[in-house]
Amino acid sequence: MNEDKITKLYHSIGEVAKLVGVETHVLRYWENEFPQLNPRKNNAGRRTYTRKDLETAYRIYELLRVDKYTLAGARQILESEADAEPVQRSTKRQELLNLRSFLENIKQQLA
């Protein structure tokens, strides 16, 4: 997926299909198979994909077409990645707090 082409906040299903490299009916099918891919619908009932939706669609494409996972396997990987995100955030936060404490100790020693 070319990051330079992604400048809009919202994309139509046709734009996402073109960026990901699949047909629109494939995206609709993936919406039924993967709860992580859930674009909003506007007042006219048209799907509007955010950047996160676009990234999710491309991740599904990678798992299914590049890595050759089955639907069930790809679904399981996406679920495990979603579960890991909060843990990574809390780990990063703890690392930053530890670094801050370390730097404050150095500052006190130098004063």
PDB file of N, CA and C in Angstrom:
ATOM      1  N   MET A   1       0.860  -1.169   0.000  1.00  0.00           N
ATOM      2  CA  MET A   1       0.000   0.000   0.000  1.00  0.00           C
ATOM      3  C   MET A   1       0.904   1.228   0.000  1.00  0.00           C
ATOM      4  N   ASN A   2       0.656   2.137  -0.895  1.00  0.00           N
ATOM      5  CA  ASN A   2       1.471   3.333  -1.026  1.00  0.00           C
ATOM      6  C   ASN A   2       0.944   4.417  -0.094  1.00  0.00           C
ATOM      7  N   GLU A   3       1.733   4.754   0.925  1.00  0.00           N
ATOM      8  CA  GLU A   3       1.328   5.736   1.931  1.00  0.00           C
ATOM      9  C   GLU A   3       1.130   7.127   1.327  1.00  0.00           C
ATOM     10  N   ASP A   4       1.851   7.447   0.237  1.00  0.00           N
ATOM     11  CA  ASP A   4       1.753   8.770  -0.372  1.00  0.00           C
ATOM     12  C   ASP A   4       0.374   9.033  -0.968  1.00  0.00           C
ATOM     13  N   LYS A   5      -0.324   7.983  -1.388  1.00  0.00           N
ATOM     14  CA  LYS A   5      -1.631   8.138  -2.020  1.00  0.00           C
ATOM     15  C   LYS A   5      -2.740   8.399  -1.009  1.00  0.00           C
ATOM     16  N   ILE A   6      -2.469   8.156   0.255  1.00  0.00           N
ATOM     17  CA  ILE A   6      -3.495   8.251   1.284  1.00  0.00           C
ATOM     18  C   ILE A   6      -3.450   9.639   1.907  1.00  0.00           C
ATOM     19  N   THR A   7      -4.311  10.520   1.422  1.00  0.00           N
ATOM     20  CA  THR A   7      -4.327  11.886   1.934  1.00  0.00           C
ATOM     21  C   THR A   7      -5.676  12.265   2.528  1.00  0.00           C
ATOM     22  N   LYS A   8      -6.729  11.551   2.170  1.00  0.00           N
ATOM     23  CA  LYS A   8      -8.075  11.891   2.625  1.00  0.00           C
ATOM     24  C   LYS A   8      -8.382  11.244   3.972  1.00  0.00           C
ATOM     25  N   LEU A   9      -9.323  11.831   4.694  1.00  0.00           N
ATOM     26  CA  LEU A   9      -9.763  11.244   5.957  1.00  0.00           C
ATOM     27  C   LEU A   9     -10.694  10.063   5.730  1.00  0.00           C
ATOM     28  N   TYR A  10     -11.534  10.160   4.711  1.00  0.00           N
ATOM     29  CA  TYR A  10     -12.503   9.111   4.425  1.00  0.00           C
ATOM     30  C   TYR A  10     -12.379   8.686   2.972  1.00  0.00           C
ATOM     31  N   HIS A  11     -12.569   7.394   2.746  1.00  0.00           N
ATOM     32  CA  HIS A  11     -12.454   6.838   1.400  1.00  0.00           C
ATOM     33  C   HIS A  11     -13.708   6.034   1.074  1.00  0.00           C
ATOM     34  N   SER A  12     -14.048   5.993  -0.199  1.00  0.00           N
ATOM     35  CA  SER A  12     -15.167   5.166  -0.649  1.00  0.00           C
ATOM     36  C   SER A  12     -14.693   3.724  -0.776  1.00  0.00           C
ATOM     37  N   ILE A  13     -15.630   2.817  -0.929  1.00  0.00           N
ATOM     38  CA  ILE A  13     -15.279   1.410  -1.065  1.00  0.00           C
ATOM     39  C   ILE A  13     -14.457   1.176  -2.335  1.00  0.00           C
ATOM     40  N   GLY A  14     -14.757   1.917  -3.393  1.00  0.00           N
ATOM     41  CA  GLY A  14     -13.997   1.784  -4.634  1.00  0.00           C
ATOM     42  C   GLY A  14     -12.554   2.230  -4.479  1.00  0.00           C
ATOM     43  N   GLU A  15     -12.358   3.324  -3.747  1.00  0.00           N
ATOM     44  CA  GLU A  15     -10.998   3.816  -3.513  1.00  0.00           C
ATOM     45  C   GLU A  15     -10.194   2.825  -2.679  1.00  0.00           C
ATOM     46  N   VAL A  16     -10.822   2.289  -1.640  1.00  0.00           N
ATOM     47  CA  VAL A  16     -10.131   1.324  -0.784  1.00  0.00           C
ATOM     48  C   VAL A  16      -9.806   0.062  -1.572  1.00  0.00           C
ATOM     49  N   ALA A  17     -10.754  -0.400  -2.372  1.00  0.00           N
ATOM     50  CA  ALA A  17     -10.518  -1.595  -3.183  1.00  0.00           C
ATOM     51  C   ALA A  17      -9.322  -1.389  -4.103  1.00  0.00           C
ATOM     52  N   LYS A  18      -9.239  -0.224  -4.702  1.00  0.00           N
ATOM     53  CA  LYS A  18      -8.130   0.071  -5.615  1.00  0.00           C
ATOM     54  C   LYS A  18      -6.804   0.136  -4.862  1.00  0.00           C
ATOM     55  N   LEU A  19      -6.789   0.798  -3.699  1.00  0.00           N
ATOM     56  CA  LEU A  19      -5.568   0.914  -2.909  1.00  0.00           C
ATOM     57  C   LEU A  19      -5.087  -0.437  -2.385  1.00  0.00           C
ATOM     58  N   VAL A  20      -6.031  -1.281  -1.975  1.00  0.00           N
ATOM     59  CA  VAL A  20      -5.667  -2.582  -1.416  1.00  0.00           C
ATOM     60  C   VAL A  20      -5.342  -3.582  -2.521  1.00  0.00           C
ATOM     61  N   GLY A  21      -6.036  -3.467  -3.656  1.00  0.00           N
ATOM     62  CA  GLY A  21      -5.786  -4.378  -4.770  1.00  0.00           C
ATOM     63  C   GLY A  21      -6.780  -5.512  -4.867  1.00  0.00           C
ATOM     64  N   VAL A  22      -8.022  -5.241  -4.461  1.00  0.00           N
ATOM     65  CA  VAL A  22      -9.089  -6.243  -4.544  1.00  0.00           C
ATOM     66  C   VAL A  22     -10.329  -5.595  -5.153  1.00  0.00           C
ATOM     67  N   GLU A  23     -11.324  -6.411  -5.444  1.00  0.00           N
ATOM     68  CA  GLU A  23     -12.603  -5.907  -5.948  1.00  0.00           C
ATOM     69  C   GLU A  23     -13.477  -5.472  -4.769  1.00  0.00           C
ATOM     70  N   THR A  24     -14.476  -4.646  -5.052  1.00  0.00           N
ATOM     71  CA  THR A  24     -15.353  -4.146  -3.992  1.00  0.00           C
ATOM     72  C   THR A  24     -16.133  -5.268  -3.314  1.00  0.00           C
ATOM     73  N   HIS A  25     -16.521  -6.292  -4.088  1.00  0.00           N
ATOM     74  CA  HIS A  25     -17.284  -7.383  -3.466  1.00  0.00           C
ATOM     75  C   HIS A  25     -16.432  -8.151  -2.455  1.00  0.00           C
ATOM     76  N   VAL A  26     -15.121  -8.150  -2.644  1.00  0.00           N
ATOM     77  CA  VAL A  26     -14.225  -8.810  -1.692  1.00  0.00           C
ATOM     78  C   VAL A  26     -14.228  -8.046  -0.368  1.00  0.00           C
ATOM     79  N   LEU A  27     -14.190  -6.724  -0.438  1.00  0.00           N
ATOM     80  CA  LEU A  27     -14.249  -5.921   0.792  1.00  0.00           C
ATOM     81  C   LEU A  27     -15.558  -6.150   1.539  1.00  0.00           C
ATOM     82  N   ARG A  28     -16.662  -6.217   0.799  1.00  0.00           N
ATOM     83  CA  ARG A  28     -17.958  -6.466   1.444  1.00  0.00           C
ATOM     84  C   ARG A  28     -17.960  -7.832   2.136  1.00  0.00           C
ATOM     85  N   TYR A  29     -17.358  -8.816   1.476  1.00  0.00           N
ATOM     86  CA  TYR A  29     -17.272 -10.158   2.060  1.00  0.00           C
ATOM     87  C   TYR A  29     -16.411 -10.124   3.326  1.00  0.00           C
ATOM     88  N   TRP A  30     -15.282  -9.441   3.255  1.00  0.00           N
ATOM     89  CA  TRP A  30     -14.405  -9.345   4.422  1.00  0.00           C
ATOM     90  C   TRP A  30     -15.103  -8.664   5.586  1.00  0.00           C
ATOM     91  N   GLU A  31     -15.977  -7.700   5.313  1.00  0.00           N
ATOM     92  CA  GLU A  31     -16.723  -7.044   6.389  1.00  0.00           C
ATOM     93  C   GLU A  31     -17.563  -8.055   7.164  1.00  0.00           C
ATOM     94  N   ASN A  32     -18.096  -9.057   6.474  1.00  0.00           N
ATOM     95  CA  ASN A  32     -18.886 -10.094   7.127  1.00  0.00           C
ATOM     96  C   ASN A  32     -18.010 -11.082   7.886  1.00  0.00           C
ATOM     97  N   GLU A  33     -16.795 -11.303   7.409  1.00  0.00           N
ATOM     98  CA  GLU A  33     -15.913 -12.313   7.989  1.00  0.00           C
ATOM     99  C   GLU A  33     -15.020 -11.781   9.112  1.00  0.00           C
ATOM    100  N   PHE A  34     -14.709 -10.493   9.068  1.00  0.00           N
ATOM    101  CA  PHE A  34     -13.775  -9.902  10.027  1.00  0.00           C
ATOM    102  C   PHE A  34     -14.441  -8.732  10.744  1.00  0.00           C
ATOM    103  N   PRO A  35     -14.769  -8.892  12.030  1.00  0.00           N
ATOM    104  CA  PRO A  35     -15.427  -7.801  12.758  1.00  0.00           C
ATOM    105  C   PRO A  35     -14.544  -6.557  12.901  1.00  0.00           C
ATOM    106  N   GLN A  36     -13.232  -6.713  12.743  1.00  0.00           N
ATOM    107  CA  GLN A  36     -12.326  -5.568  12.840  1.00  0.00           C
ATOM    108  C   GLN A  36     -12.507  -4.602  11.670  1.00  0.00           C
ATOM    109  N   LEU A  37     -13.010  -5.090  10.552  1.00  0.00           N
ATOM    110  CA  LEU A  37     -13.247  -4.245   9.381  1.00  0.00           C
ATOM    111  C   LEU A  37     -14.716  -3.831   9.401  1.00  0.00           C
ATOM    112  N   ASN A  38     -14.950  -2.621   9.890  1.00  0.00           N
ATOM    113  CA  ASN A  38     -16.325  -2.170  10.090  1.00  0.00           C
ATOM    114  C   ASN A  38     -16.464  -0.702   9.695  1.00  0.00           C
ATOM    115  N   PRO A  39     -16.500  -0.412   8.383  1.00  0.00           N
ATOM    116  CA  PRO A  39     -16.618   0.989   7.969  1.00  0.00           C
ATOM    117  C   PRO A  39     -18.000   1.544   8.308  1.00  0.00           C
ATOM    118  N   ARG A  40     -18.039   2.832   8.573  1.00  0.00           N
ATOM    119  CA  ARG A  40     -19.323   3.478   8.835  1.00  0.00           C
ATOM    120  C   ARG A  40     -20.056   3.692   7.526  1.00  0.00           C
ATOM    121  N   LYS A  41     -21.352   3.870   7.647  1.00  0.00           N
ATOM    122  CA  LYS A  41     -22.152   4.208   6.471  1.00  0.00           C
ATOM    123  C   LYS A  41     -22.679   5.620   6.656  1.00  0.00           C
ATOM    124  N   ASN A  42     -22.625   6.399   5.585  1.00  0.00           N
ATOM    125  CA  ASN A  42     -23.110   7.772   5.666  1.00  0.00           C
ATOM    126  C   ASN A  42     -24.632   7.789   5.531  1.00  0.00           C
ATOM    127  N   ASN A  43     -25.219   8.964   5.496  1.00  0.00           N
ATOM    128  CA  ASN A  43     -26.679   9.091   5.423  1.00  0.00           C
ATOM    129  C   ASN A  43     -27.262   8.444   4.178  1.00  0.00           C
ATOM    130  N   ALA A  44     -26.484   8.403   3.112  1.00  0.00           N
ATOM    131  CA  ALA A  44     -26.948   7.787   1.865  1.00  0.00           C
ATOM    132  C   ALA A  44     -26.753   6.273   1.874  1.00  0.00           C
ATOM    133  N   GLY A  45     -26.166   5.737   2.945  1.00  0.00           N
ATOM    134  CA  GLY A  45     -25.950   4.302   3.044  1.00  0.00           C
ATOM    135  C   GLY A  45     -24.653   3.826   2.408  1.00  0.00           C
ATOM    136  N   ARG A  46     -23.809   4.755   2.000  1.00  0.00           N
ATOM    137  CA  ARG A  46     -22.528   4.392   1.381  1.00  0.00           C
ATOM    138  C   ARG A  46     -21.469   4.203   2.465  1.00  0.00           C
ATOM    139  N   ARG A  47     -20.617   3.233   2.238  1.00  0.00           N
ATOM    140  CA  ARG A  47     -19.546   2.963   3.184  1.00  0.00           C
ATOM    141  C   ARG A  47     -18.499   4.075   3.131  1.00  0.00           C
ATOM    142  N   THR A  48     -18.040   4.496   4.308  1.00  0.00           N
ATOM    143  CA  THR A  48     -16.937   5.447   4.393  1.00  0.00           C
ATOM    144  C   THR A  48     -15.844   4.809   5.245  1.00  0.00           C
ATOM    145  N   TYR A  49     -14.711   4.594   4.623  1.00  0.00           N
ATOM    146  CA  TYR A  49     -13.585   3.940   5.277  1.00  0.00           C
ATOM    147  C   TYR A  49     -12.625   4.984   5.834  1.00  0.00           C
ATOM    148  N   THR A  50     -12.209   4.801   7.080  1.00  0.00           N
ATOM    149  CA  THR A  50     -11.192   5.655   7.686  1.00  0.00           C
ATOM    150  C   THR A  50      -9.820   5.065   7.371  1.00  0.00           C
ATOM    151  N   ARG A  51      -8.786   5.766   7.769  1.00  0.00           N
ATOM    152  CA  ARG A  51      -7.432   5.245   7.570  1.00  0.00           C
ATOM    153  C   ARG A  51      -7.251   3.921   8.318  1.00  0.00           C
ATOM    154  N   LYS A  52      -7.815   3.818   9.513  1.00  0.00           N
ATOM    155  CA  LYS A  52      -7.713   2.573  10.288  1.00  0.00           C
ATOM    156  C   LYS A  52      -8.395   1.430   9.537  1.00  0.00           C
ATOM    157  N   ASP A  53      -9.562   1.688   8.949  1.00  0.00           N
ATOM    158  CA  ASP A  53     -10.248   0.671   8.151  1.00  0.00           C
ATOM    159  C   ASP A  53      -9.390   0.256   6.963  1.00  0.00           C
ATOM    160  N   LEU A  54      -8.760   1.227   6.338  1.00  0.00           N
ATOM    161  CA  LEU A  54      -7.898   0.956   5.191  1.00  0.00           C
ATOM    162  C   LEU A  54      -6.710   0.092   5.605  1.00  0.00           C
ATOM    163  N   GLU A  55      -6.098   0.418   6.734  1.00  0.00           N
ATOM    164  CA  GLU A  55      -4.978  -0.378   7.233  1.00  0.00           C
ATOM    165  C   GLU A  55      -5.427  -1.794   7.578  1.00  0.00           C
ATOM    166  N   THR A  56      -6.611  -1.928   8.158  1.00  0.00           N
ATOM    167  CA  THR A  56      -7.147  -3.249   8.484  1.00  0.00           C
ATOM    168  C   THR A  56      -7.393  -4.051   7.219  1.00  0.00           C
ATOM    169  N   ALA A  57      -7.977  -3.432   6.210  1.00  0.00           N
ATOM    170  CA  ALA A  57      -8.232  -4.121   4.944  1.00  0.00           C
ATOM    171  C   ALA A  57      -6.925  -4.586   4.313  1.00  0.00           C
ATOM    172  N   TYR A  58      -5.909  -3.739   4.365  1.00  0.00           N
ATOM    173  CA  TYR A  58      -4.627  -4.128   3.789  1.00  0.00           C
ATOM    174  C   TYR A  58      -3.982  -5.248   4.596  1.00  0.00           C
ATOM    175  N   ARG A  59      -4.138  -5.227   5.915  1.00  0.00           N
ATOM    176  CA  ARG A  59      -3.598  -6.309   6.760  1.00  0.00           C
ATOM    177  C   ARG A  59      -4.297  -7.626   6.427  1.00  0.00           C
ATOM    178  N   ILE A  60      -5.602  -7.585   6.223  1.00  0.00           N
ATOM    179  CA  ILE A  60      -6.346  -8.786   5.828  1.00  0.00           C
ATOM    180  C   ILE A  60      -5.830  -9.286   4.486  1.00  0.00           C
ATOM    181  N   TYR A  61      -5.617  -8.364   3.550  1.00  0.00           N
ATOM    182  CA  TYR A  61      -5.073  -8.728   2.238  1.00  0.00           C
ATOM    183  C   TYR A  61      -3.728  -9.436   2.395  1.00  0.00           C
ATOM    184  N   GLU A  62      -2.842  -8.877   3.220  1.00  0.00           N
ATOM    185  CA  GLU A  62      -1.531  -9.491   3.438  1.00  0.00           C
ATOM    186  C   GLU A  62      -1.666 -10.901   3.998  1.00  0.00           C
ATOM    187  N   LEU A  63      -2.531 -11.053   4.995  1.00  0.00           N
ATOM    188  CA  LEU A  63      -2.686 -12.364   5.628  1.00  0.00           C
ATOM    189  C   LEU A  63      -3.247 -13.398   4.659  1.00  0.00           C
ATOM    190  N   LEU A  64      -4.256 -13.000   3.876  1.00  0.00           N
ATOM    191  CA  LEU A  64      -4.919 -13.958   2.989  1.00  0.00           C
ATOM    192  C   LEU A  64      -4.159 -14.194   1.692  1.00  0.00           C
ATOM    193  N   ARG A  65      -3.709 -13.141   1.055  1.00  0.00           N
ATOM    194  CA  ARG A  65      -3.130 -13.264  -0.289  1.00  0.00           C
ATOM    195  C   ARG A  65      -1.617 -13.430  -0.296  1.00  0.00           C
ATOM    196  N   VAL A  66      -0.934 -12.792   0.636  1.00  0.00           N
ATOM    197  CA  VAL A  66       0.531 -12.861   0.647  1.00  0.00           C
ATOM    198  C   VAL A  66       1.007 -14.011   1.530  1.00  0.00           C
ATOM    199  N   ASP A  67       0.516 -14.045   2.772  1.00  0.00           N
ATOM    200  CA  ASP A  67       0.944 -15.074   3.720  1.00  0.00           C
ATOM    201  C   ASP A  67       0.171 -16.380   3.574  1.00  0.00           C
ATOM    202  N   LYS A  68      -0.904 -16.366   2.776  1.00  0.00           N
ATOM    203  CA  LYS A  68      -1.695 -17.563   2.442  1.00  0.00           C
ATOM    204  C   LYS A  68      -2.387 -18.204   3.650  1.00  0.00           C
ATOM    205  N   TYR A  69      -2.852 -17.382   4.586  1.00  0.00           N
ATOM    206  CA  TYR A  69      -3.634 -17.904   5.701  1.00  0.00           C
ATOM    207  C   TYR A  69      -5.058 -18.186   5.238  1.00  0.00           C
ATOM    208  N   THR A  70      -5.723 -19.084   5.948  1.00  0.00           N
ATOM    209  CA  THR A  70      -7.145 -19.307   5.710  1.00  0.00           C
ATOM    210  C   THR A  70      -7.912 -18.158   6.373  1.00  0.00           C
ATOM    211  N   LEU A  71      -9.207 -18.076   6.103  1.00  0.00           N
ATOM    212  CA  LEU A  71     -10.023 -17.045   6.753  1.00  0.00           C
ATOM    213  C   LEU A  71      -9.961 -17.183   8.270  1.00  0.00           C
ATOM    214  N   ALA A  72     -10.090 -18.420   8.748  1.00  0.00           N
ATOM    215  CA  ALA A  72     -10.061 -18.654  10.192  1.00  0.00           C
ATOM    216  C   ALA A  72      -8.702 -18.277  10.779  1.00  0.00           C
ATOM    217  N   GLY A  73      -7.639 -18.612  10.083  1.00  0.00           N
ATOM    218  CA  GLY A  73      -6.300 -18.278  10.555  1.00  0.00           C
ATOM    219  C   GLY A  73      -6.065 -16.781  10.585  1.00  0.00           C
ATOM    220  N   ALA A  74      -6.491 -16.094   9.535  1.00  0.00           N
ATOM    221  CA  ALA A  74      -6.339 -14.639   9.476  1.00  0.00           C
ATOM    222  C   ALA A  74      -7.171 -13.973  10.566  1.00  0.00           C
ATOM    223  N   ARG A  75      -8.371 -14.478  10.791  1.00  0.00           N
ATOM    224  CA  ARG A  75      -9.245 -13.928  11.833  1.00  0.00           C
ATOM    225  C   ARG A  75      -8.575 -14.074  13.201  1.00  0.00           C
ATOM    226  N   GLN A  76      -7.985 -15.238  13.433  1.00  0.00           N
ATOM    227  CA  GLN A  76      -7.324 -15.505  14.708  1.00  0.00           C
ATOM    228  C   GLN A  76      -6.123 -14.567  14.909  1.00  0.00           C
ATOM    229  N   ILE A  77      -5.351 -14.340  13.871  1.00  0.00           N
ATOM    230  CA  ILE A  77      -4.195 -13.443  13.974  1.00  0.00           C
ATOM    231  C   ILE A  77      -4.648 -12.016  14.250  1.00  0.00           C
ATOM    232  N   LEU A  78      -5.682 -11.554  13.545  1.00  0.00           N
ATOM    233  CA  LEU A  78      -6.184 -10.194  13.782  1.00  0.00           C
ATOM    234  C   LEU A  78      -6.690 -10.034  15.213  1.00  0.00           C
ATOM    235  N   GLU A  79      -7.355 -11.055  15.732  1.00  0.00           N
ATOM    236  CA  GLU A  79      -7.843 -10.994  17.108  1.00  0.00           C
ATOM    237  C   GLU A  79      -6.685 -10.940  18.093  1.00  0.00           C
ATOM    238  N   SER A  80      -5.642 -11.735  17.850  1.00  0.00           N
ATOM    239  CA  SER A  80      -4.493 -11.737  18.761  1.00  0.00           C
ATOM    240  C   SER A  80      -3.737 -10.416  18.685  1.00  0.00           C
ATOM    241  N   GLU A  81      -3.657  -9.818  17.486  1.00  0.00           N
ATOM    242  CA  GLU A  81      -3.013  -8.510  17.352  1.00  0.00           C
ATOM    243  C   GLU A  81      -3.811  -7.438  18.083  1.00  0.00           C
ATOM    244  N   ALA A  82      -5.119  -7.516  18.017  1.00  0.00           N
ATOM    245  CA  ALA A  82      -5.969  -6.538  18.709  1.00  0.00           C
ATOM    246  C   ALA A  82      -5.820  -6.676  20.221  1.00  0.00           C
ATOM    247  N   ASP A  83      -5.693  -7.917  20.697  1.00  0.00           N
ATOM    248  CA  ASP A  83      -5.508  -8.146  22.129  1.00  0.00           C
ATOM    249  C   ASP A  83      -4.153  -7.643  22.601  1.00  0.00           C
ATOM    250  N   ALA A  84      -3.151  -7.688  21.739  1.00  0.00           N
ATOM    251  CA  ALA A  84      -1.792  -7.295  22.118  1.00  0.00           C
ATOM    252  C   ALA A  84      -1.618  -5.785  22.177  1.00  0.00           C
ATOM    253  N   GLU A  85      -2.426  -5.023  21.457  1.00  0.00           N
ATOM    254  CA  GLU A  85      -2.263  -3.568  21.405  1.00  0.00           C
ATOM    255  C   GLU A  85      -2.324  -2.897  22.775  1.00  0.00           C
ATOM    256  N   PRO A  86      -3.326  -3.171  23.632  1.00  0.00           N
ATOM    257  CA  PRO A  86      -3.354  -2.510  24.943  1.00  0.00           C
ATOM    258  C   PRO A  86      -2.147  -2.870  25.802  1.00  0.00           C
ATOM    259  N   VAL A  87      -1.671  -4.104  25.700  1.00  0.00           N
ATOM    260  CA  VAL A  87      -0.508  -4.523  26.472  1.00  0.00           C
ATOM    261  C   VAL A  87       0.714  -3.744  26.016  1.00  0.00           C
ATOM    262  N   GLN A  88       0.872  -3.584  24.710  1.00  0.00           N
ATOM    263  CA  GLN A  88       2.011  -2.840  24.187  1.00  0.00           C
ATOM    264  C   GLN A  88       1.964  -1.392  24.646  1.00  0.00           C
ATOM    265  N   ARG A  89       0.780  -0.800  24.661  1.00  0.00           N
ATOM    266  CA  ARG A  89       0.653   0.591  25.099  1.00  0.00           C
ATOM    267  C   ARG A  89       1.051   0.739  26.560  1.00  0.00           C
ATOM    268  N   SER A  90       0.575  -0.177  27.415  1.00  0.00           N
ATOM    269  CA  SER A  90       0.906  -0.073  28.831  1.00  0.00           C
ATOM    270  C   SER A  90       2.391  -0.343  29.055  1.00  0.00           C
ATOM    271  N   THR A  91       2.976  -1.237  28.274  1.00  0.00           N
ATOM    272  CA  THR A  91       4.404  -1.506  28.377  1.00  0.00           C
ATOM    273  C   THR A  91       5.203  -0.278  27.971  1.00  0.00           C
ATOM    274  N   LYS A  92       4.807   0.357  26.885  1.00  0.00           N
ATOM    275  CA  LYS A  92       5.491   1.574  26.432  1.00  0.00           C
ATOM    276  C   LYS A  92       5.377   2.670  27.482  1.00  0.00           C
ATOM    277  N   ARG A  93       4.198   2.797  28.061  1.00  0.00           N
ATOM    278  CA  ARG A  93       3.996   3.817  29.092  1.00  0.00           C
ATOM    279  C   ARG A  93       4.911   3.549  30.279  1.00  0.00           C
ATOM    280  N   GLN A  94       5.001   2.299  30.689  1.00  0.00           N
ATOM    281  CA  GLN A  94       5.856   1.954  31.820  1.00  0.00           C
ATOM    282  C   GLN A  94       7.322   2.226  31.495  1.00  0.00           C
ATOM    283  N   GLU A  95       7.739   1.925  30.272  1.00  0.00           N
ATOM    284  CA  GLU A  95       9.116   2.208  29.860  1.00  0.00           C
ATOM    285  C   GLU A  95       9.406   3.703  29.926  1.00  0.00           C
ATOM    286  N   LEU A  96       8.456   4.510  29.476  1.00  0.00           N
ATOM    287  CA  LEU A  96       8.639   5.959  29.523  1.00  0.00           C
ATOM    288  C   LEU A  96       8.698   6.474  30.960  1.00  0.00           C
ATOM    289  N   LEU A  97       7.857   5.917  31.829  1.00  0.00           N
ATOM    290  CA  LEU A  97       7.891   6.327  33.233  1.00  0.00           C
ATOM    291  C   LEU A  97       9.219   5.947  33.882  1.00  0.00           C
ATOM    292  N   ASN A  98       9.722   4.763  33.560  1.00  0.00           N
ATOM    293  CA  ASN A  98      11.020   4.334  34.092  1.00  0.00           C
ATOM    294  C   ASN A  98      12.143   5.249  33.600  1.00  0.00           C
ATOM    295  N   LEU A  99      12.098   5.602  32.330  1.00  0.00           N
ATOM    296  CA  LEU A  99      13.107   6.488  31.759  1.00  0.00           C
ATOM    297  C   LEU A  99      13.055   7.861  32.426  1.00  0.00           C
ATOM    298  N   ARG A 100      11.850   8.340  32.650  1.00  0.00           N
ATOM    299  CA  ARG A 100      11.688   9.648  33.303  1.00  0.00           C
ATOM    300  C   ARG A 100      12.280   9.623  34.714  1.00  0.00           C
ATOM    301  N   SER A 101      11.991   8.564  35.438  1.00  0.00           N
ATOM    302  CA  SER A 101      12.528   8.420  36.787  1.00  0.00           C
ATOM    303  C   SER A 101      14.054   8.370  36.759  1.00  0.00           C
ATOM    304  N   PHE A 102      14.591   7.630  35.822  1.00  0.00           N
ATOM    305  CA  PHE A 102      16.041   7.522  35.668  1.00  0.00           C
ATOM    306  C   PHE A 102      16.662   8.891  35.390  1.00  0.00           C
ATOM    307  N   LEU A 103      16.058   9.644  34.477  1.00  0.00           N
ATOM    308  CA  LEU A 103      16.576  10.967  34.137  1.00  0.00           C
ATOM    309  C   LEU A 103      16.462  11.938  35.308  1.00  0.00           C
ATOM    310  N   GLU A 104      15.389  11.837  36.088  1.00  0.00           N
ATOM    311  CA  GLU A 104      15.241  12.698  37.265  1.00  0.00           C
ATOM    312  C   GLU A 104      16.315  12.382  38.302  1.00  0.00           C
ATOM    313  N   ASN A 105      16.654  11.104  38.451  1.00  0.00           N
ATOM    314  CA  ASN A 105      17.724  10.720  39.381  1.00  0.00           C
ATOM    315  C   ASN A 105      19.060  11.301  38.935  1.00  0.00           C
ATOM    316  N   ILE A 106      19.341  11.240  37.651  1.00  0.00           N
ATOM    317  CA  ILE A 106      20.589  11.807  37.127  1.00  0.00           C
ATOM    318  C   ILE A 106      20.614  13.316  37.360  1.00  0.00           C
ATOM    319  N   LYS A 107      19.484  13.960  37.134  1.00  0.00           N
ATOM    320  CA  LYS A 107      19.391  15.413  37.328  1.00  0.00           C
ATOM    321  C   LYS A 107      19.691  15.780  38.785  1.00  0.00           C
ATOM    322  N   GLN A 108      19.151  14.991  39.729  1.00  0.00           N
ATOM    323  CA  GLN A 108      19.386  15.255  41.148  1.00  0.00           C
ATOM    324  C   GLN A 108      20.851  15.034  41.515  1.00  0.00           C
ATOM    325  N   GLN A 109      21.461  14.026  40.926  1.00  0.00           N
ATOM    326  CA  GLN A 109      22.866  13.750  41.219  1.00  0.00           C
ATOM    327  C   GLN A 109      23.778  14.850  40.687  1.00  0.00           C
ATOM    328  N   LEU A 110      23.412  15.443  39.567  1.00  0.00           N
ATOM    329  CA  LEU A 110      24.222  16.502  38.976  1.00  0.00           C
ATOM    330  C   LEU A 110      24.043  17.836  39.688  1.00  0.00           C
ATOM    331  N   ALA A 111      22.938  18.002  40.392  1.00  0.00           N
ATOM    332  CA  ALA A 111      22.655  19.285  41.055  1.00  0.00           C
ATOM    333  C   ALA A 111      23.414  19.448  42.346  1.00  0.00           C
TER     334      ALA A 111
END
